[in-house]
Amino acid sequence: MKLVILSLLVTSLVAPAIAHNFWMVLYHGSFSELGFKFISEAPQCTAELHDAKLYADRSDVSGDKWGVRYELYGGITDIVEWNTNDENLGHHTMYRDRDYGIYDTNDNRKGRCIPDSTRDFDCLFQFTRVSGFSILNCTSDSIHV
């Protein structure tokens, strides 16, 4: 019995952290609803996509300004900063020139994203049509939806 407990303890100490995958999508809903959503799976017409919180596109998301700052350079995703006031997503920035790394506000690397705009969606939820497409597919040990 002691050997089993010791084995479990050692395994838990040396096992790698669980990586969480998440996607950021551009979302266009009804009534001029436009912004970004973070979801755990590739975008599909699911309750998760419908119910995920919508974050506005903003030029400044520092401090208590919630939203997403999305910058392109030459048509390529360059910098994506999000401040969500949510302990799971938090306040992070993804930089193209740093290998698409995700960094927290203390400049600690927290994950990595891959630009991916290949997953589009066009959904009818009850009487509301929404559409959009993926922007980032990210992996992190500490950031999750």
N, C-alpha and C. Protein backbone atom coordinates (compact mmCIF):
# COMPACT_ATOMS: atom_id res chain seq x y z
N MET A 1 0.83 -1.20 0.00
CA MET A 1 0.00 0.00 0.00
C MET A 1 0.87 1.26 0.00
N LYS A 2 1.93 1.25 0.84
CA LYS A 2 2.81 2.41 0.89
C LYS A 2 3.50 2.62 -0.45
N LEU A 3 3.83 1.53 -1.13
CA LEU A 3 4.48 1.63 -2.43
C LEU A 3 3.54 2.27 -3.46
N VAL A 4 2.26 1.92 -3.42
CA VAL A 4 1.29 2.50 -4.34
C VAL A 4 1.15 4.00 -4.10
N ILE A 5 1.05 4.39 -2.85
CA ILE A 5 0.92 5.82 -2.51
C ILE A 5 2.17 6.57 -2.93
N LEU A 6 3.34 6.01 -2.66
CA LEU A 6 4.60 6.65 -3.06
C LEU A 6 4.68 6.77 -4.57
N SER A 7 4.26 5.73 -5.28
CA SER A 7 4.28 5.74 -6.74
C SER A 7 3.36 6.83 -7.29
N LEU A 8 2.17 6.95 -6.74
CA LEU A 8 1.23 7.99 -7.17
C LEU A 8 1.77 9.38 -6.89
N LEU A 9 2.40 9.56 -5.75
CA LEU A 9 2.97 10.85 -5.39
C LEU A 9 4.08 11.23 -6.36
N VAL A 10 4.98 10.32 -6.65
CA VAL A 10 6.08 10.60 -7.57
C VAL A 10 5.54 10.90 -8.96
N THR A 11 4.57 10.13 -9.42
CA THR A 11 3.97 10.35 -10.74
C THR A 11 3.33 11.73 -10.82
N SER A 12 2.65 12.14 -9.79
CA SER A 12 1.99 13.45 -9.82
C SER A 12 3.00 14.58 -9.81
N LEU A 13 4.16 14.37 -9.22
CA LEU A 13 5.18 15.42 -9.18
C LEU A 13 5.93 15.56 -10.49
N VAL A 14 6.13 14.46 -11.19
CA VAL A 14 6.92 14.52 -12.42
C VAL A 14 6.06 14.56 -13.68
N ALA A 15 4.77 14.32 -13.57
CA ALA A 15 3.89 14.35 -14.74
C ALA A 15 3.79 15.78 -15.26
N PRO A 16 3.80 15.95 -16.57
CA PRO A 16 3.68 17.30 -17.11
C PRO A 16 2.30 17.89 -16.81
N ALA A 17 2.26 19.21 -16.79
CA ALA A 17 0.98 19.88 -16.57
C ALA A 17 0.04 19.58 -17.74
N ILE A 18 -1.22 19.60 -17.47
CA ILE A 18 -2.20 19.34 -18.51
C ILE A 18 -2.33 20.57 -19.40
N ALA A 19 -2.15 20.37 -20.69
CA ALA A 19 -2.28 21.49 -21.63
C ALA A 19 -3.74 21.68 -21.98
N HIS A 20 -4.17 22.91 -21.98
CA HIS A 20 -5.53 23.27 -22.36
C HIS A 20 -5.48 23.88 -23.75
N ASN A 21 -6.35 23.45 -24.61
CA ASN A 21 -6.47 24.05 -25.93
C ASN A 21 -7.67 24.99 -25.92
N PHE A 22 -7.52 26.10 -26.62
CA PHE A 22 -8.66 26.99 -26.79
C PHE A 22 -8.53 27.72 -28.11
N TRP A 23 -9.64 28.19 -28.60
CA TRP A 23 -9.71 28.90 -29.87
C TRP A 23 -10.23 30.31 -29.61
N MET A 24 -9.75 31.25 -30.41
CA MET A 24 -10.33 32.59 -30.43
C MET A 24 -10.98 32.75 -31.80
N VAL A 25 -12.23 33.19 -31.80
CA VAL A 25 -12.97 33.35 -33.05
C VAL A 25 -13.50 34.78 -33.17
N LEU A 26 -13.61 35.24 -34.41
CA LEU A 26 -14.31 36.48 -34.70
C LEU A 26 -15.77 36.10 -34.87
N TYR A 27 -16.65 36.80 -34.16
CA TYR A 27 -18.06 36.43 -34.06
C TYR A 27 -18.91 37.61 -34.50
N HIS A 28 -19.81 37.35 -35.46
CA HIS A 28 -20.75 38.38 -35.91
C HIS A 28 -22.16 37.86 -35.69
N GLY A 29 -22.83 38.45 -34.72
CA GLY A 29 -24.18 38.03 -34.40
C GLY A 29 -25.20 39.01 -34.95
N SER A 30 -26.40 38.87 -34.49
CA SER A 30 -27.46 39.77 -34.93
C SER A 30 -27.34 41.12 -34.24
N PHE A 31 -28.05 42.08 -34.74
CA PHE A 31 -28.10 43.43 -34.15
C PHE A 31 -26.70 44.04 -34.04
N SER A 32 -25.88 43.87 -35.07
CA SER A 32 -24.52 44.45 -35.12
C SER A 32 -23.62 43.96 -33.99
N GLU A 33 -23.88 42.78 -33.50
CA GLU A 33 -23.06 42.17 -32.46
C GLU A 33 -21.77 41.66 -33.12
N LEU A 34 -20.64 42.31 -32.83
CA LEU A 34 -19.37 41.95 -33.45
C LEU A 34 -18.28 41.97 -32.40
N GLY A 35 -17.49 40.91 -32.36
CA GLY A 35 -16.40 40.85 -31.40
C GLY A 35 -15.72 39.50 -31.43
N PHE A 36 -15.10 39.16 -30.32
CA PHE A 36 -14.32 37.94 -30.22
C PHE A 36 -14.87 37.05 -29.12
N LYS A 37 -14.78 35.74 -29.34
CA LYS A 37 -15.16 34.77 -28.33
C LYS A 37 -14.03 33.76 -28.17
N PHE A 38 -13.91 33.22 -26.97
CA PHE A 38 -12.94 32.17 -26.66
C PHE A 38 -13.73 30.89 -26.38
N ILE A 39 -13.38 29.82 -27.08
CA ILE A 39 -14.08 28.55 -26.93
C ILE A 39 -13.07 27.42 -26.82
N SER A 40 -13.50 26.28 -26.32
CA SER A 40 -12.57 25.17 -26.07
C SER A 40 -12.36 24.26 -27.27
N GLU A 41 -13.25 24.28 -28.22
CA GLU A 41 -13.15 23.41 -29.40
C GLU A 41 -13.17 24.26 -30.66
N ALA A 42 -12.75 23.66 -31.77
CA ALA A 42 -12.86 24.36 -33.06
C ALA A 42 -14.30 24.83 -33.23
N PRO A 43 -14.50 26.01 -33.82
CA PRO A 43 -15.86 26.56 -33.89
C PRO A 43 -16.84 25.67 -34.64
N GLN A 44 -17.95 25.43 -33.98
CA GLN A 44 -19.08 24.67 -34.53
C GLN A 44 -20.35 25.33 -34.01
N CYS A 45 -21.45 24.98 -34.58
CA CYS A 45 -22.74 25.53 -34.15
C CYS A 45 -23.20 24.80 -32.89
N THR A 46 -22.60 25.14 -31.77
CA THR A 46 -22.90 24.47 -30.50
C THR A 46 -23.32 25.50 -29.45
N ALA A 47 -23.83 25.00 -28.35
CA ALA A 47 -24.20 25.87 -27.24
C ALA A 47 -22.98 26.62 -26.72
N GLU A 48 -21.80 25.97 -26.73
CA GLU A 48 -20.60 26.65 -26.24
C GLU A 48 -20.33 27.92 -27.05
N LEU A 49 -20.39 27.83 -28.37
CA LEU A 49 -20.17 29.00 -29.22
C LEU A 49 -21.22 30.07 -28.94
N HIS A 50 -22.47 29.66 -28.86
CA HIS A 50 -23.56 30.61 -28.62
C HIS A 50 -23.42 31.30 -27.27
N ASP A 51 -23.09 30.53 -26.24
CA ASP A 51 -23.10 31.04 -24.87
C ASP A 51 -21.80 31.72 -24.43
N ALA A 52 -20.71 31.54 -25.16
CA ALA A 52 -19.44 32.14 -24.76
C ALA A 52 -19.57 33.66 -24.72
N LYS A 53 -18.87 34.26 -23.79
CA LYS A 53 -18.92 35.72 -23.63
C LYS A 53 -18.31 36.40 -24.86
N LEU A 54 -18.92 37.48 -25.30
CA LEU A 54 -18.45 38.26 -26.44
C LEU A 54 -17.60 39.42 -25.92
N TYR A 55 -16.38 39.53 -26.44
CA TYR A 55 -15.48 40.62 -26.06
C TYR A 55 -15.32 41.58 -27.23
N ALA A 56 -15.44 42.86 -26.95
CA ALA A 56 -15.36 43.89 -27.98
C ALA A 56 -13.93 44.06 -28.48
N ASP A 57 -13.82 44.48 -29.74
CA ASP A 57 -12.54 44.84 -30.33
C ASP A 57 -12.21 46.26 -29.84
N ARG A 58 -11.06 46.41 -29.18
CA ARG A 58 -10.69 47.71 -28.61
C ARG A 58 -9.25 48.03 -28.93
N SER A 59 -8.92 49.30 -29.00
CA SER A 59 -7.54 49.70 -29.25
C SER A 59 -6.69 49.66 -27.99
N ASP A 60 -7.33 49.63 -26.82
CA ASP A 60 -6.61 49.61 -25.54
C ASP A 60 -7.37 48.72 -24.57
N VAL A 61 -6.70 47.67 -24.08
CA VAL A 61 -7.33 46.78 -23.10
C VAL A 61 -6.51 46.72 -21.81
N SER A 62 -5.77 47.78 -21.54
CA SER A 62 -4.97 47.82 -20.32
C SER A 62 -5.85 48.10 -19.11
N GLY A 63 -5.31 47.79 -17.92
CA GLY A 63 -6.01 48.10 -16.68
C GLY A 63 -7.37 47.45 -16.60
N ASP A 64 -8.40 48.29 -16.41
CA ASP A 64 -9.76 47.76 -16.27
C ASP A 64 -10.56 47.87 -17.57
N LYS A 65 -9.88 47.96 -18.70
CA LYS A 65 -10.56 48.03 -20.00
C LYS A 65 -10.64 46.62 -20.57
N TRP A 66 -11.82 46.01 -20.55
CA TRP A 66 -12.00 44.64 -20.98
C TRP A 66 -12.20 44.59 -22.48
N GLY A 67 -11.70 43.54 -23.10
CA GLY A 67 -11.87 43.35 -24.53
C GLY A 67 -10.66 42.70 -25.15
N VAL A 68 -10.58 42.82 -26.48
CA VAL A 68 -9.49 42.23 -27.26
C VAL A 68 -8.91 43.31 -28.17
N ARG A 69 -7.59 43.41 -28.15
CA ARG A 69 -6.86 44.28 -29.09
C ARG A 69 -6.25 43.36 -30.14
N TYR A 70 -6.70 43.51 -31.36
CA TYR A 70 -6.29 42.62 -32.45
C TYR A 70 -5.58 43.45 -33.51
N GLU A 71 -4.29 43.17 -33.72
CA GLU A 71 -3.51 43.94 -34.69
C GLU A 71 -2.98 43.05 -35.79
N LEU A 72 -3.13 43.54 -37.01
CA LEU A 72 -2.58 42.86 -38.18
C LEU A 72 -1.36 43.64 -38.67
N TYR A 73 -0.42 42.93 -39.28
CA TYR A 73 0.71 43.57 -39.93
C TYR A 73 0.88 42.88 -41.27
N GLY A 74 0.65 43.61 -42.35
CA GLY A 74 0.74 43.02 -43.67
C GLY A 74 -0.27 41.90 -43.89
N GLY A 75 -1.44 42.02 -43.28
CA GLY A 75 -2.48 41.01 -43.42
C GLY A 75 -2.28 39.77 -42.56
N ILE A 76 -1.26 39.79 -41.69
CA ILE A 76 -0.94 38.65 -40.83
C ILE A 76 -1.22 39.04 -39.38
N THR A 77 -1.80 38.12 -38.61
CA THR A 77 -2.03 38.37 -37.19
C THR A 77 -0.69 38.68 -36.53
N ASP A 78 -0.59 39.85 -35.91
CA ASP A 78 0.68 40.31 -35.34
C ASP A 78 0.66 40.28 -33.82
N ILE A 79 -0.29 40.98 -33.23
CA ILE A 79 -0.42 41.05 -31.78
C ILE A 79 -1.89 40.88 -31.42
N VAL A 80 -2.15 40.01 -30.46
CA VAL A 80 -3.50 39.86 -29.93
C VAL A 80 -3.39 39.95 -28.41
N GLU A 81 -4.03 40.96 -27.85
CA GLU A 81 -4.04 41.14 -26.40
C GLU A 81 -5.47 41.02 -25.92
N TRP A 82 -5.67 40.24 -24.87
CA TRP A 82 -7.02 40.14 -24.32
C TRP A 82 -6.98 40.40 -22.82
N ASN A 83 -7.98 41.12 -22.36
CA ASN A 83 -8.18 41.39 -20.94
C ASN A 83 -9.65 41.09 -20.68
N THR A 84 -9.90 39.99 -19.99
CA THR A 84 -11.26 39.46 -19.91
C THR A 84 -11.92 39.62 -18.55
N ASN A 85 -11.16 40.02 -17.54
CA ASN A 85 -11.70 40.06 -16.18
C ASN A 85 -12.25 38.68 -15.79
N ASP A 86 -11.59 37.64 -16.29
CA ASP A 86 -11.97 36.26 -16.02
C ASP A 86 -10.70 35.54 -15.58
N GLU A 87 -10.73 34.88 -14.44
CA GLU A 87 -9.51 34.27 -13.90
C GLU A 87 -8.96 33.17 -14.80
N ASN A 88 -9.78 32.54 -15.62
CA ASN A 88 -9.30 31.49 -16.51
C ASN A 88 -8.57 32.04 -17.73
N LEU A 89 -9.10 33.10 -18.33
CA LEU A 89 -8.48 33.69 -19.52
C LEU A 89 -7.54 34.83 -19.17
N GLY A 90 -7.91 35.62 -18.17
CA GLY A 90 -7.05 36.67 -17.66
C GLY A 90 -6.68 37.75 -18.66
N HIS A 91 -5.47 38.30 -18.47
CA HIS A 91 -4.94 39.38 -19.30
C HIS A 91 -3.61 38.89 -19.88
N HIS A 92 -3.62 38.61 -21.17
CA HIS A 92 -2.45 38.05 -21.85
C HIS A 92 -2.28 38.69 -23.22
N THR A 93 -1.08 38.54 -23.76
CA THR A 93 -0.78 39.04 -25.09
C THR A 93 -0.04 37.98 -25.89
N MET A 94 -0.44 37.80 -27.14
CA MET A 94 0.22 36.89 -28.06
C MET A 94 0.98 37.75 -29.07
N TYR A 95 2.27 37.43 -29.28
CA TYR A 95 3.13 38.19 -30.18
C TYR A 95 3.62 37.31 -31.33
N ARG A 96 3.42 37.76 -32.56
CA ARG A 96 3.94 37.03 -33.72
C ARG A 96 5.46 36.98 -33.69
N ASP A 97 6.11 38.10 -33.35
CA ASP A 97 7.58 38.14 -33.40
C ASP A 97 8.25 37.43 -32.22
N ARG A 98 7.46 36.81 -31.38
CA ARG A 98 8.00 35.98 -30.28
C ARG A 98 7.47 34.56 -30.43
N ASP A 99 7.46 34.09 -31.67
CA ASP A 99 7.04 32.73 -32.01
C ASP A 99 5.59 32.46 -31.60
N TYR A 100 4.75 33.47 -31.72
CA TYR A 100 3.34 33.38 -31.36
C TYR A 100 3.13 32.96 -29.90
N GLY A 101 4.10 33.31 -29.06
CA GLY A 101 4.00 33.00 -27.63
C GLY A 101 2.95 33.87 -26.95
N ILE A 102 2.34 33.31 -25.91
CA ILE A 102 1.37 34.03 -25.08
C ILE A 102 2.09 34.43 -23.80
N TYR A 103 2.01 35.70 -23.44
CA TYR A 103 2.69 36.22 -22.25
C TYR A 103 1.70 36.91 -21.33
N ASP A 104 1.92 36.74 -20.02
CA ASP A 104 1.08 37.44 -19.05
C ASP A 104 1.61 38.85 -18.85
N THR A 105 1.01 39.61 -17.96
CA THR A 105 1.39 41.01 -17.76
C THR A 105 2.75 41.15 -17.08
N ASN A 106 3.31 40.05 -16.57
CA ASN A 106 4.67 40.06 -16.00
C ASN A 106 5.69 39.49 -16.97
N ASP A 107 5.31 39.35 -18.24
CA ASP A 107 6.16 38.85 -19.32
C ASP A 107 6.59 37.40 -19.14
N ASN A 108 5.77 36.61 -18.46
CA ASN A 108 6.02 35.17 -18.33
C ASN A 108 5.30 34.45 -19.46
N ARG A 109 6.03 33.59 -20.16
CA ARG A 109 5.41 32.83 -21.26
C ARG A 109 4.43 31.82 -20.69
N LYS A 110 3.19 31.85 -21.19
CA LYS A 110 2.12 31.01 -20.67
C LYS A 110 1.56 30.03 -21.70
N GLY A 111 2.02 30.11 -22.94
CA GLY A 111 1.51 29.20 -23.96
C GLY A 111 1.91 29.67 -25.34
N ARG A 112 1.24 29.12 -26.33
CA ARG A 112 1.54 29.44 -27.71
C ARG A 112 0.27 29.32 -28.54
N CYS A 113 0.17 30.15 -29.56
CA CYS A 113 -0.96 30.11 -30.49
C CYS A 113 -0.47 29.83 -31.90
N ILE A 114 -1.36 29.30 -32.69
CA ILE A 114 -1.12 29.13 -34.11
C ILE A 114 -2.22 29.90 -34.83
N PRO A 115 -1.86 30.87 -35.66
CA PRO A 115 -2.90 31.56 -36.43
C PRO A 115 -3.64 30.54 -37.30
N ASP A 116 -4.95 30.58 -37.26
CA ASP A 116 -5.76 29.63 -38.02
C ASP A 116 -7.09 30.29 -38.33
N SER A 117 -7.26 30.70 -39.58
CA SER A 117 -8.52 31.34 -39.98
C SER A 117 -9.31 30.42 -40.92
N THR A 118 -9.06 29.12 -40.82
CA THR A 118 -9.68 28.16 -41.75
C THR A 118 -11.02 27.62 -41.29
N ARG A 119 -11.38 27.85 -40.05
CA ARG A 119 -12.62 27.27 -39.51
C ARG A 119 -13.70 28.34 -39.46
N ASP A 120 -14.61 28.31 -40.40
CA ASP A 120 -15.69 29.29 -40.38
C ASP A 120 -16.98 28.64 -39.90
N PHE A 121 -17.93 29.48 -39.54
CA PHE A 121 -19.22 28.98 -39.08
C PHE A 121 -20.32 29.93 -39.51
N ASP A 122 -21.47 29.38 -39.74
CA ASP A 122 -22.68 30.12 -40.08
C ASP A 122 -23.82 29.35 -39.44
N CYS A 123 -24.35 29.87 -38.35
CA CYS A 123 -25.26 29.11 -37.50
C CYS A 123 -26.60 29.83 -37.34
N LEU A 124 -27.62 29.05 -37.14
CA LEU A 124 -28.93 29.58 -36.79
C LEU A 124 -29.26 29.07 -35.39
N PHE A 125 -29.28 29.98 -34.43
CA PHE A 125 -29.64 29.65 -33.05
C PHE A 125 -31.03 30.22 -32.81
N GLN A 126 -32.02 29.36 -32.67
CA GLN A 126 -33.42 29.75 -32.58
C GLN A 126 -33.74 30.65 -33.76
N PHE A 127 -33.88 31.94 -33.56
CA PHE A 127 -34.20 32.84 -34.68
C PHE A 127 -33.07 33.81 -34.97
N THR A 128 -31.88 33.49 -34.51
CA THR A 128 -30.73 34.38 -34.67
C THR A 128 -29.66 33.73 -35.52
N ARG A 129 -29.23 34.40 -36.57
CA ARG A 129 -28.14 33.90 -37.40
C ARG A 129 -26.84 34.55 -36.95
N VAL A 130 -25.81 33.72 -36.78
CA VAL A 130 -24.48 34.20 -36.41
C VAL A 130 -23.47 33.58 -37.37
N SER A 131 -22.36 34.30 -37.55
CA SER A 131 -21.32 33.78 -38.43
C SER A 131 -19.97 34.28 -37.94
N GLY A 132 -18.93 33.71 -38.50
CA GLY A 132 -17.59 34.13 -38.16
C GLY A 132 -16.57 33.08 -38.55
N PHE A 133 -15.37 33.24 -38.00
CA PHE A 133 -14.30 32.30 -38.32
C PHE A 133 -13.25 32.31 -37.22
N SER A 134 -12.45 31.24 -37.23
CA SER A 134 -11.38 31.12 -36.25
C SER A 134 -10.28 32.12 -36.55
N ILE A 135 -9.57 32.54 -35.50
CA ILE A 135 -8.42 33.42 -35.64
C ILE A 135 -7.18 32.75 -35.08
N LEU A 136 -7.30 32.19 -33.87
CA LEU A 136 -6.16 31.55 -33.21
C LEU A 136 -6.57 30.20 -32.64
N ASN A 137 -5.64 29.26 -32.67
CA ASN A 137 -5.76 27.99 -31.97
C ASN A 137 -4.60 27.97 -30.98
N CYS A 138 -4.89 27.96 -29.68
CA CYS A 138 -3.86 28.15 -28.66
C CYS A 138 -3.78 26.95 -27.72
N THR A 139 -2.59 26.79 -27.14
CA THR A 139 -2.35 25.77 -26.13
C THR A 139 -1.63 26.41 -24.96
N SER A 140 -2.08 26.09 -23.75
CA SER A 140 -1.48 26.65 -22.55
C SER A 140 -1.70 25.69 -21.38
N ASP A 141 -0.74 25.69 -20.46
CA ASP A 141 -0.91 24.91 -19.24
C ASP A 141 -1.76 25.64 -18.20
N SER A 142 -1.87 26.96 -18.33
CA SER A 142 -2.54 27.74 -17.29
C SER A 142 -3.73 28.56 -17.76
N ILE A 143 -3.87 28.77 -19.05
CA ILE A 143 -4.99 29.55 -19.58
C ILE A 143 -6.01 28.58 -20.15
N HIS A 144 -7.26 28.74 -19.77
CA HIS A 144 -8.29 27.87 -20.34
C HIS A 144 -9.63 28.57 -20.32
N VAL A 145 -10.52 28.03 -21.12
CA VAL A 145 -11.87 28.59 -21.25
C VAL A 145 -12.75 27.99 -20.18
